[in-house]
Amino acid sequence: MSNLAYEVHPTEQAEKVDAVATAMDALIGRLGYDESFRAALANNPKETLKASGIVLQKEALEAYIRIQPERFEKASEALFSRVDSDFLMSLSAPSCDAF
């Protein structure tokens, strides 16, 4: 895990955490109503997220987990209820770390 807390000013870190939390909420929401997005995301997560403007930076996600663990837990539960485990494994693949 990176030391994002030591790399940026606390205000900047809070902004990054808020941005990634909002992106997670957008992803979860869109998965709930957009079947073509869900299919595209399953087939090519990196390009689909990029095309949709949903940015999930690894360091910001790590900070989100540390700073707002309850909110992250709720978002994770909502995400897990909308996708299968194979998809979740594809998100952890190196190709998605480029954001």
PDB file of N, CA and C in Angstrom:
ATOM      1  N   MET A   1       0.856  -1.174   0.000  1.00  0.00           N
ATOM      2  CA  MET A   1       0.000   0.000   0.000  1.00  0.00           C
ATOM      3  C   MET A   1       0.899   1.233   0.000  1.00  0.00           C
ATOM      4  N   SER A   2       0.520   2.205  -0.786  1.00  0.00           N
ATOM      5  CA  SER A   2       1.348   3.407  -0.863  1.00  0.00           C
ATOM      6  C   SER A   2       1.162   4.273   0.371  1.00  0.00           C
ATOM      7  N   ASN A   3       1.998   5.274   0.490  1.00  0.00           N
ATOM      8  CA  ASN A   3       1.902   6.220   1.597  1.00  0.00           C
ATOM      9  C   ASN A   3       1.319   7.532   1.113  1.00  0.00           C
ATOM     10  N   LEU A   4       0.153   7.471   0.471  1.00  0.00           N
ATOM     11  CA  LEU A   4      -0.482   8.665  -0.070  1.00  0.00           C
ATOM     12  C   LEU A   4      -0.638   9.737   0.996  1.00  0.00           C
ATOM     13  N   ALA A   5      -0.878   9.338   2.222  1.00  0.00           N
ATOM     14  CA  ALA A   5      -1.066  10.308   3.309  1.00  0.00           C
ATOM     15  C   ALA A   5       0.162  11.183   3.490  1.00  0.00           C
ATOM     16  N   TYR A   6       1.322  10.674   3.119  1.00  0.00           N
ATOM     17  CA  TYR A   6       2.557  11.423   3.296  1.00  0.00           C
ATOM     18  C   TYR A   6       3.013  12.102   2.013  1.00  0.00           C
ATOM     19  N   GLU A   7       2.358  11.815   0.899  1.00  0.00           N
ATOM     20  CA  GLU A   7       2.772  12.348  -0.389  1.00  0.00           C
ATOM     21  C   GLU A   7       2.032  13.622  -0.778  1.00  0.00           C
ATOM     22  N   VAL A   8       0.856  13.837  -0.233  1.00  0.00           N
ATOM     23  CA  VAL A   8       0.055  14.996  -0.602  1.00  0.00           C
ATOM     24  C   VAL A   8      -0.454  15.699   0.644  1.00  0.00           C
ATOM     25  N   HIS A   9      -0.810  16.930   0.475  1.00  0.00           N
ATOM     26  CA  HIS A   9      -1.403  17.721   1.549  1.00  0.00           C
ATOM     27  C   HIS A   9      -2.734  17.079   1.967  1.00  0.00           C
ATOM     28  N   PRO A  10      -3.096  17.143   3.248  1.00  0.00           N
ATOM     29  CA  PRO A  10      -4.350  16.525   3.703  1.00  0.00           C
ATOM     30  C   PRO A  10      -5.582  16.984   2.923  1.00  0.00           C
ATOM     31  N   THR A  11      -5.621  18.237   2.520  1.00  0.00           N
ATOM     32  CA  THR A  11      -6.766  18.726   1.748  1.00  0.00           C
ATOM     33  C   THR A  11      -6.807  18.058   0.383  1.00  0.00           C
ATOM     34  N   GLU A  12      -5.645  17.933  -0.250  1.00  0.00           N
ATOM     35  CA  GLU A  12      -5.578  17.253  -1.544  1.00  0.00           C
ATOM     36  C   GLU A  12      -5.969  15.794  -1.402  1.00  0.00           C
ATOM     37  N   GLN A  13      -5.512  15.165  -0.326  1.00  0.00           N
ATOM     38  CA  GLN A  13      -5.851  13.766  -0.092  1.00  0.00           C
ATOM     39  C   GLN A  13      -7.365  13.620   0.072  1.00  0.00           C
ATOM     40  N   ALA A  14      -7.977  14.500   0.827  1.00  0.00           N
ATOM     41  CA  ALA A  14      -9.425  14.450   1.033  1.00  0.00           C
ATOM     42  C   ALA A  14     -10.164  14.622  -0.293  1.00  0.00           C
ATOM     43  N   GLU A  15      -9.673  15.506  -1.146  1.00  0.00           N
ATOM     44  CA  GLU A  15     -10.288  15.710  -2.462  1.00  0.00           C
ATOM     45  C   GLU A  15     -10.169  14.453  -3.311  1.00  0.00           C
ATOM     46  N   LYS A  16      -9.014  13.788  -3.278  1.00  0.00           N
ATOM     47  CA  LYS A  16      -8.827  12.558  -4.033  1.00  0.00           C
ATOM     48  C   LYS A  16      -9.744  11.451  -3.514  1.00  0.00           C
ATOM     49  N   VAL A  17      -9.877  11.364  -2.203  1.00  0.00           N
ATOM     50  CA  VAL A  17     -10.761  10.362  -1.607  1.00  0.00           C
ATOM     51  C   VAL A  17     -12.205  10.644  -2.003  1.00  0.00           C
ATOM     52  N   ASP A  18     -12.633  11.883  -1.926  1.00  0.00           N
ATOM     53  CA  ASP A  18     -13.995  12.242  -2.333  1.00  0.00           C
ATOM     54  C   ASP A  18     -14.229  11.920  -3.808  1.00  0.00           C
ATOM     55  N   ALA A  19     -13.234  12.188  -4.644  1.00  0.00           N
ATOM     56  CA  ALA A  19     -13.371  11.921  -6.077  1.00  0.00           C
ATOM     57  C   ALA A  19     -13.516  10.425  -6.348  1.00  0.00           C
ATOM     58  N   VAL A  20     -12.707   9.612  -5.687  1.00  0.00           N
ATOM     59  CA  VAL A  20     -12.796   8.165  -5.921  1.00  0.00           C
ATOM     60  C   VAL A  20     -14.077   7.602  -5.312  1.00  0.00           C
ATOM     61  N   ALA A  21     -14.531   8.133  -4.197  1.00  0.00           N
ATOM     62  CA  ALA A  21     -15.801   7.686  -3.606  1.00  0.00           C
ATOM     63  C   ALA A  21     -16.957   8.013  -4.548  1.00  0.00           C
ATOM     64  N   THR A  22     -16.925   9.189  -5.138  1.00  0.00           N
ATOM     65  CA  THR A  22     -17.952   9.583  -6.105  1.00  0.00           C
ATOM     66  C   THR A  22     -17.899   8.691  -7.339  1.00  0.00           C
ATOM     67  N   ALA A  23     -16.683   8.370  -7.792  1.00  0.00           N
ATOM     68  CA  ALA A  23     -16.520   7.486  -8.948  1.00  0.00           C
ATOM     69  C   ALA A  23     -17.071   6.093  -8.642  1.00  0.00           C
ATOM     70  N   MET A  24     -16.806   5.587  -7.453  1.00  0.00           N
ATOM     71  CA  MET A  24     -17.347   4.282  -7.057  1.00  0.00           C
ATOM     72  C   MET A  24     -18.875   4.324  -7.046  1.00  0.00           C
ATOM     73  N   ASP A  25     -19.443   5.386  -6.486  1.00  0.00           N
ATOM     74  CA  ASP A  25     -20.897   5.530  -6.458  1.00  0.00           C
ATOM     75  C   ASP A  25     -21.473   5.562  -7.879  1.00  0.00           C
ATOM     76  N   ALA A  26     -20.791   6.273  -8.786  1.00  0.00           N
ATOM     77  CA  ALA A  26     -21.238   6.354 -10.180  1.00  0.00           C
ATOM     78  C   ALA A  26     -21.171   4.984 -10.850  1.00  0.00           C
ATOM     79  N   LEU A  27     -20.088   4.257 -10.605  1.00  0.00           N
ATOM     80  CA  LEU A  27     -19.935   2.920 -11.166  1.00  0.00           C
ATOM     81  C   LEU A  27     -21.042   1.998 -10.680  1.00  0.00           C
ATOM     82  N   ILE A  28     -21.278   1.993  -9.394  1.00  0.00           N
ATOM     83  CA  ILE A  28     -22.306   1.134  -8.812  1.00  0.00           C
ATOM     84  C   ILE A  28     -23.684   1.506  -9.348  1.00  0.00           C
ATOM     85  N   GLY A  29     -23.960   2.788  -9.394  1.00  0.00           N
ATOM     86  CA  GLY A  29     -25.253   3.238  -9.902  1.00  0.00           C
ATOM     87  C   GLY A  29     -25.474   2.834 -11.345  1.00  0.00           C
ATOM     88  N   ARG A  30     -24.458   3.033 -12.168  1.00  0.00           N
ATOM     89  CA  ARG A  30     -24.604   2.713 -13.588  1.00  0.00           C
ATOM     90  C   ARG A  30     -24.738   1.209 -13.804  1.00  0.00           C
ATOM     91  N   LEU A  31     -24.061   0.413 -13.004  1.00  0.00           N
ATOM     92  CA  LEU A  31     -24.198  -1.035 -13.118  1.00  0.00           C
ATOM     93  C   LEU A  31     -25.626  -1.487 -12.834  1.00  0.00           C
ATOM     94  N   GLY A  32     -26.326  -0.699 -12.036  1.00  0.00           N
ATOM     95  CA  GLY A  32     -27.695  -1.052 -11.671  1.00  0.00           C
ATOM     96  C   GLY A  32     -28.719  -0.826 -12.766  1.00  0.00           C
ATOM     97  N   TYR A  33     -28.426   0.049 -13.733  1.00  0.00           N
ATOM     98  CA  TYR A  33     -29.454   0.356 -14.733  1.00  0.00           C
ATOM     99  C   TYR A  33     -29.005   0.218 -16.181  1.00  0.00           C
ATOM    100  N   ASP A  34     -27.711   0.113 -16.454  1.00  0.00           N
ATOM    101  CA  ASP A  34     -27.216   0.141 -17.828  1.00  0.00           C
ATOM    102  C   ASP A  34     -26.619  -1.220 -18.210  1.00  0.00           C
ATOM    103  N   GLU A  35     -27.449  -2.050 -18.861  1.00  0.00           N
ATOM    104  CA  GLU A  35     -27.000  -3.398 -19.217  1.00  0.00           C
ATOM    105  C   GLU A  35     -25.858  -3.392 -20.228  1.00  0.00           C
ATOM    106  N   SER A  36     -25.866  -2.472 -21.180  1.00  0.00           N
ATOM    107  CA  SER A  36     -24.784  -2.436 -22.167  1.00  0.00           C
ATOM    108  C   SER A  36     -23.472  -2.018 -21.505  1.00  0.00           C
ATOM    109  N   PHE A  37     -23.536  -1.107 -20.552  1.00  0.00           N
ATOM    110  CA  PHE A  37     -22.343  -0.714 -19.793  1.00  0.00           C
ATOM    111  C   PHE A  37     -21.814  -1.900 -19.003  1.00  0.00           C
ATOM    112  N   ARG A  38     -22.710  -2.628 -18.362  1.00  0.00           N
ATOM    113  CA  ARG A  38     -22.318  -3.792 -17.570  1.00  0.00           C
ATOM    114  C   ARG A  38     -21.608  -4.826 -18.454  1.00  0.00           C
ATOM    115  N   ALA A  39     -22.145  -5.083 -19.654  1.00  0.00           N
ATOM    116  CA  ALA A  39     -21.530  -6.046 -20.570  1.00  0.00           C
ATOM    117  C   ALA A  39     -20.173  -5.541 -21.061  1.00  0.00           C
ATOM    118  N   ALA A  40     -20.111  -4.267 -21.417  1.00  0.00           N
ATOM    119  CA  ALA A  40     -18.843  -3.692 -21.885  1.00  0.00           C
ATOM    120  C   ALA A  40     -17.795  -3.727 -20.789  1.00  0.00           C
ATOM    121  N   LEU A  41     -18.202  -3.443 -19.570  1.00  0.00           N
ATOM    122  CA  LEU A  41     -17.282  -3.445 -18.436  1.00  0.00           C
ATOM    123  C   LEU A  41     -16.737  -4.850 -18.184  1.00  0.00           C
ATOM    124  N   ALA A  42     -17.588  -5.850 -18.331  1.00  0.00           N
ATOM    125  CA  ALA A  42     -17.148  -7.236 -18.133  1.00  0.00           C
ATOM    126  C   ALA A  42     -16.142  -7.656 -19.203  1.00  0.00           C
ATOM    127  N   ASN A  43     -16.318  -7.139 -20.421  1.00  0.00           N
ATOM    128  CA  ASN A  43     -15.439  -7.527 -21.531  1.00  0.00           C
ATOM    129  C   ASN A  43     -14.148  -6.735 -21.590  1.00  0.00           C
ATOM    130  N   ASN A  44     -14.192  -5.479 -21.199  1.00  0.00           N
ATOM    131  CA  ASN A  44     -13.006  -4.630 -21.301  1.00  0.00           C
ATOM    132  C   ASN A  44     -13.086  -3.535 -20.240  1.00  0.00           C
ATOM    133  N   PRO A  45     -12.786  -3.868 -18.987  1.00  0.00           N
ATOM    134  CA  PRO A  45     -12.983  -2.902 -17.900  1.00  0.00           C
ATOM    135  C   PRO A  45     -12.178  -1.621 -18.045  1.00  0.00           C
ATOM    136  N   LYS A  46     -10.933  -1.717 -18.417  1.00  0.00           N
ATOM    137  CA  LYS A  46     -10.084  -0.528 -18.498  1.00  0.00           C
ATOM    138  C   LYS A  46     -10.629   0.477 -19.509  1.00  0.00           C
ATOM    139  N   GLU A  47     -10.912   0.018 -20.713  1.00  0.00           N
ATOM    140  CA  GLU A  47     -11.402   0.932 -21.749  1.00  0.00           C
ATOM    141  C   GLU A  47     -12.805   1.448 -21.447  1.00  0.00           C
ATOM    142  N   THR A  48     -13.636   0.597 -20.880  1.00  0.00           N
ATOM    143  CA  THR A  48     -15.002   1.020 -20.555  1.00  0.00           C
ATOM    144  C   THR A  48     -15.003   2.093 -19.475  1.00  0.00           C
ATOM    145  N   LEU A  49     -14.203   1.892 -18.431  1.00  0.00           N
ATOM    146  CA  LEU A  49     -14.113   2.906 -17.383  1.00  0.00           C
ATOM    147  C   LEU A  49     -13.550   4.207 -17.941  1.00  0.00           C
ATOM    148  N   LYS A  50     -12.517   4.104 -18.760  1.00  0.00           N
ATOM    149  CA  LYS A  50     -11.911   5.302 -19.350  1.00  0.00           C
ATOM    150  C   LYS A  50     -12.928   6.053 -20.211  1.00  0.00           C
ATOM    151  N   ALA A  51     -13.648   5.328 -21.058  1.00  0.00           N
ATOM    152  CA  ALA A  51     -14.632   5.961 -21.944  1.00  0.00           C
ATOM    153  C   ALA A  51     -15.772   6.603 -21.164  1.00  0.00           C
ATOM    154  N   SER A  52     -16.101   6.035 -20.010  1.00  0.00           N
ATOM    155  CA  SER A  52     -17.209   6.574 -19.217  1.00  0.00           C
ATOM    156  C   SER A  52     -16.788   7.723 -18.314  1.00  0.00           C
ATOM    157  N   GLY A  53     -15.467   7.943 -18.208  1.00  0.00           N
ATOM    158  CA  GLY A  53     -14.974   9.009 -17.347  1.00  0.00           C
ATOM    159  C   GLY A  53     -14.896   8.619 -15.875  1.00  0.00           C
ATOM    160  N   ILE A  54     -15.054   7.336 -15.585  1.00  0.00           N
ATOM    161  CA  ILE A  54     -14.960   6.854 -14.213  1.00  0.00           C
ATOM    162  C   ILE A  54     -13.507   6.512 -13.933  1.00  0.00           C
ATOM    163  N   VAL A  55     -12.889   7.282 -13.041  1.00  0.00           N
ATOM    164  CA  VAL A  55     -11.466   7.109 -12.733  1.00  0.00           C
ATOM    165  C   VAL A  55     -11.321   6.540 -11.330  1.00  0.00           C
ATOM    166  N   LEU A  56     -10.632   5.411 -11.253  1.00  0.00           N
ATOM    167  CA  LEU A  56     -10.394   4.754  -9.966  1.00  0.00           C
ATOM    168  C   LEU A  56      -8.890   4.616  -9.773  1.00  0.00           C
ATOM    169  N   GLN A  57      -8.271   5.628  -9.246  1.00  0.00           N
ATOM    170  CA  GLN A  57      -6.823   5.594  -9.023  1.00  0.00           C
ATOM    171  C   GLN A  57      -6.493   4.728  -7.823  1.00  0.00           C
ATOM    172  N   LYS A  58      -5.501   3.865  -7.991  1.00  0.00           N
ATOM    173  CA  LYS A  58      -5.127   2.913  -6.947  1.00  0.00           C
ATOM    174  C   LYS A  58      -4.812   3.617  -5.626  1.00  0.00           C
ATOM    175  N   GLU A  59      -3.988   4.650  -5.663  1.00  0.00           N
ATOM    176  CA  GLU A  59      -3.597   5.330  -4.424  1.00  0.00           C
ATOM    177  C   GLU A  59      -4.789   5.993  -3.747  1.00  0.00           C
ATOM    178  N   ALA A  60      -5.692   6.546  -4.538  1.00  0.00           N
ATOM    179  CA  ALA A  60      -6.879   7.176  -3.968  1.00  0.00           C
ATOM    180  C   ALA A  60      -7.805   6.130  -3.360  1.00  0.00           C
ATOM    181  N   LEU A  61      -7.914   4.972  -4.014  1.00  0.00           N
ATOM    182  CA  LEU A  61      -8.716   3.892  -3.438  1.00  0.00           C
ATOM    183  C   LEU A  61      -8.133   3.424  -2.108  1.00  0.00           C
ATOM    184  N   GLU A  62      -6.819   3.319  -2.049  1.00  0.00           N
ATOM    185  CA  GLU A  62      -6.168   2.919  -0.795  1.00  0.00           C
ATOM    186  C   GLU A  62      -6.451   3.929   0.318  1.00  0.00           C
ATOM    187  N   ALA A  63      -6.388   5.205  -0.027  1.00  0.00           N
ATOM    188  CA  ALA A  63      -6.684   6.243   0.970  1.00  0.00           C
ATOM    189  C   ALA A  63      -8.153   6.201   1.380  1.00  0.00           C
ATOM    190  N   TYR A  64      -9.031   5.962   0.420  1.00  0.00           N
ATOM    191  CA  TYR A  64     -10.470   5.833   0.684  1.00  0.00           C
ATOM    192  C   TYR A  64     -10.715   4.729   1.706  1.00  0.00           C
ATOM    193  N   ILE A  65     -10.060   3.596   1.516  1.00  0.00           N
ATOM    194  CA  ILE A  65     -10.213   2.469   2.434  1.00  0.00           C
ATOM    195  C   ILE A  65      -9.770   2.858   3.842  1.00  0.00           C
ATOM    196  N   ARG A  66      -8.662   3.605   3.932  1.00  0.00           N
ATOM    197  CA  ARG A  66      -8.142   3.998   5.248  1.00  0.00           C
ATOM    198  C   ARG A  66      -8.974   5.089   5.908  1.00  0.00           C
ATOM    199  N   ILE A  67      -9.389   6.076   5.136  1.00  0.00           N
ATOM    200  CA  ILE A  67     -10.010   7.275   5.696  1.00  0.00           C
ATOM    201  C   ILE A  67     -11.515   7.130   5.912  1.00  0.00           C
ATOM    202  N   GLN A  68     -12.183   6.431   4.996  1.00  0.00           N
ATOM    203  CA  GLN A  68     -13.637   6.261   5.100  1.00  0.00           C
ATOM    204  C   GLN A  68     -13.999   4.774   5.001  1.00  0.00           C
ATOM    205  N   PRO A  69     -13.517   3.963   5.936  1.00  0.00           N
ATOM    206  CA  PRO A  69     -13.725   2.515   5.807  1.00  0.00           C
ATOM    207  C   PRO A  69     -15.192   2.091   5.798  1.00  0.00           C
ATOM    208  N   GLU A  70     -16.046   2.772   6.537  1.00  0.00           N
ATOM    209  CA  GLU A  70     -17.455   2.395   6.552  1.00  0.00           C
ATOM    210  C   GLU A  70     -18.104   2.675   5.204  1.00  0.00           C
ATOM    211  N   ARG A  71     -17.812   3.834   4.629  1.00  0.00           N
ATOM    212  CA  ARG A  71     -18.367   4.172   3.316  1.00  0.00           C
ATOM    213  C   ARG A  71     -17.834   3.214   2.261  1.00  0.00           C
ATOM    214  N   PHE A  72     -16.537   2.889   2.337  1.00  0.00           N
ATOM    215  CA  PHE A  72     -15.962   1.950   1.387  1.00  0.00           C
ATOM    216  C   PHE A  72     -16.621   0.581   1.526  1.00  0.00           C
ATOM    217  N   GLU A  73     -16.853   0.143   2.739  1.00  0.00           N
ATOM    218  CA  GLU A  73     -17.488  -1.158   2.973  1.00  0.00           C
ATOM    219  C   GLU A  73     -18.879  -1.196   2.341  1.00  0.00           C
ATOM    220  N   LYS A  74     -19.658  -0.147   2.520  1.00  0.00           N
ATOM    221  CA  LYS A  74     -20.997  -0.093   1.913  1.00  0.00           C
ATOM    222  C   LYS A  74     -20.914  -0.100   0.395  1.00  0.00           C
ATOM    223  N   ALA A  75     -19.982   0.665  -0.161  1.00  0.00           N
ATOM    224  CA  ALA A  75     -19.807   0.695  -1.608  1.00  0.00           C
ATOM    225  C   ALA A  75     -19.375  -0.673  -2.124  1.00  0.00           C
ATOM    226  N   SER A  76     -18.490  -1.326  -1.403  1.00  0.00           N
ATOM    227  CA  SER A  76     -18.021  -2.651  -1.802  1.00  0.00           C
ATOM    228  C   SER A  76     -19.168  -3.661  -1.806  1.00  0.00           C
ATOM    229  N   GLU A  77     -19.980  -3.629  -0.771  1.00  0.00           N
ATOM    230  CA  GLU A  77     -21.126  -4.535  -0.711  1.00  0.00           C
ATOM    231  C   GLU A  77     -22.067  -4.299  -1.892  1.00  0.00           C
ATOM    232  N   ALA A  78     -22.314  -3.044  -2.223  1.00  0.00           N
ATOM    233  CA  ALA A  78     -23.183  -2.725  -3.355  1.00  0.00           C
ATOM    234  C   ALA A  78     -22.562  -3.197  -4.666  1.00  0.00           C
ATOM    235  N   LEU A  79     -21.260  -3.006  -4.806  1.00  0.00           N
ATOM    236  CA  LEU A  79     -20.572  -3.453  -6.023  1.00  0.00           C
ATOM    237  C   LEU A  79     -20.620  -4.970  -6.127  1.00  0.00           C
ATOM    238  N   PHE A  80     -20.319  -5.665  -5.035  1.00  0.00           N
ATOM    239  CA  PHE A  80     -20.318  -7.129  -5.039  1.00  0.00           C
ATOM    240  C   PHE A  80     -21.694  -7.691  -5.384  1.00  0.00           C
ATOM    241  N   SER A  81     -22.746  -6.977  -5.032  1.00  0.00           N
ATOM    242  CA  SER A  81     -24.094  -7.459  -5.330  1.00  0.00           C
ATOM    243  C   SER A  81     -24.449  -7.299  -6.807  1.00  0.00           C
ATOM    244  N   ARG A  82     -23.653  -6.506  -7.550  1.00  0.00           N
ATOM    245  CA  ARG A  82     -23.969  -6.236  -8.949  1.00  0.00           C
ATOM    246  C   ARG A  82     -23.051  -6.939  -9.953  1.00  0.00           C
ATOM    247  N   VAL A  83     -21.939  -7.467  -9.492  1.00  0.00           N
ATOM    248  CA  VAL A  83     -20.998  -8.119 -10.411  1.00  0.00           C
ATOM    249  C   VAL A  83     -20.580  -9.476  -9.853  1.00  0.00           C
ATOM    250  N   ASP A  84     -20.039 -10.310 -10.739  1.00  0.00           N
ATOM    251  CA  ASP A  84     -19.585 -11.618 -10.279  1.00  0.00           C
ATOM    252  C   ASP A  84     -18.104 -11.578  -9.916  1.00  0.00           C
ATOM    253  N   SER A  85     -17.649 -12.638  -9.277  1.00  0.00           N
ATOM    254  CA  SER A  85     -16.273 -12.662  -8.780  1.00  0.00           C
ATOM    255  C   SER A  85     -15.239 -12.627  -9.902  1.00  0.00           C
ATOM    256  N   ASP A  86     -15.555 -13.179 -11.089  1.00  0.00           N
ATOM    257  CA  ASP A  86     -14.607 -13.123 -12.207  1.00  0.00           C
ATOM    258  C   ASP A  86     -14.351 -11.679 -12.622  1.00  0.00           C
ATOM    259  N   PHE A  87     -15.402 -10.875 -12.631  1.00  0.00           N
ATOM    260  CA  PHE A  87     -15.229  -9.472 -12.973  1.00  0.00           C
ATOM    261  C   PHE A  87     -14.354  -8.769 -11.945  1.00  0.00           C
ATOM    262  N   LEU A  88     -14.602  -9.032 -10.679  1.00  0.00           N
ATOM    263  CA  LEU A  88     -13.811  -8.397  -9.630  1.00  0.00           C
ATOM    264  C   LEU A  88     -12.337  -8.762  -9.752  1.00  0.00           C
ATOM    265  N   MET A  89     -12.051  -9.993 -10.134  1.00  0.00           N
ATOM    266  CA  MET A  89     -10.663 -10.397 -10.336  1.00  0.00           C
ATOM    267  C   MET A  89     -10.052  -9.622 -11.508  1.00  0.00           C
ATOM    268  N   SER A  90     -10.835  -9.342 -12.550  1.00  0.00           N
ATOM    269  CA  SER A  90     -10.303  -8.602 -13.695  1.00  0.00           C
ATOM    270  C   SER A  90      -9.936  -7.177 -13.305  1.00  0.00           C
ATOM    271  N   LEU A  91     -10.641  -6.610 -12.327  1.00  0.00           N
ATOM    272  CA  LEU A  91     -10.304  -5.262 -11.876  1.00  0.00           C
ATOM    273  C   LEU A  91      -8.988  -5.217 -11.118  1.00  0.00           C
ATOM    274  N   SER A  92      -8.608  -6.333 -10.533  1.00  0.00           N
ATOM    275  CA  SER A  92      -7.349  -6.359  -9.798  1.00  0.00           C
ATOM    276  C   SER A  92      -6.157  -6.664 -10.698  1.00  0.00           C
ATOM    277  N   ALA A  93      -6.430  -6.957 -11.956  1.00  0.00           N
ATOM    278  CA  ALA A  93      -5.350  -7.242 -12.908  1.00  0.00           C
ATOM    279  C   ALA A  93      -4.567  -5.970 -13.195  1.00  0.00           C
ATOM    280  N   PRO A  94      -3.292  -6.093 -13.528  1.00  0.00           N
ATOM    281  CA  PRO A  94      -2.447  -4.913 -13.766  1.00  0.00           C
ATOM    282  C   PRO A  94      -2.995  -3.932 -14.802  1.00  0.00           C
ATOM    283  N   SER A  95      -3.764  -4.394 -15.752  1.00  0.00           N
ATOM    284  CA  SER A  95      -4.242  -3.497 -16.811  1.00  0.00           C
ATOM    285  C   SER A  95      -5.132  -2.395 -16.270  1.00  0.00           C
ATOM    286  N   CYS A  96      -5.716  -2.576 -15.100  1.00  0.00           N
ATOM    287  CA  CYS A  96      -6.602  -1.561 -14.532  1.00  0.00           C
ATOM    288  C   CYS A  96      -5.866  -0.595 -13.622  1.00  0.00           C
ATOM    289  N   ASP A  97      -4.604  -0.827 -13.369  1.00  0.00           N
ATOM    290  CA  ASP A  97      -3.836   0.044 -12.476  1.00  0.00           C
ATOM    291  C   ASP A  97      -3.326   1.296 -13.176  1.00  0.00           C
ATOM    292  N   ALA A  98      -3.595   1.438 -14.465  1.00  0.00           N
ATOM    293  CA  ALA A  98      -3.014   2.522 -15.250  1.00  0.00           C
ATOM    294  C   ALA A  98      -3.680   3.874 -15.026  1.00  0.00           C
ATOM    295  N   PHE A  99      -4.764   3.911 -14.294  1.00  0.00           N
ATOM    296  CA  PHE A  99      -5.493   5.180 -14.143  1.00  0.00           C
ATOM    297  C   PHE A  99      -4.795   6.075 -13.213  1.00  0.00           C
TER     298      PHE A  99
END
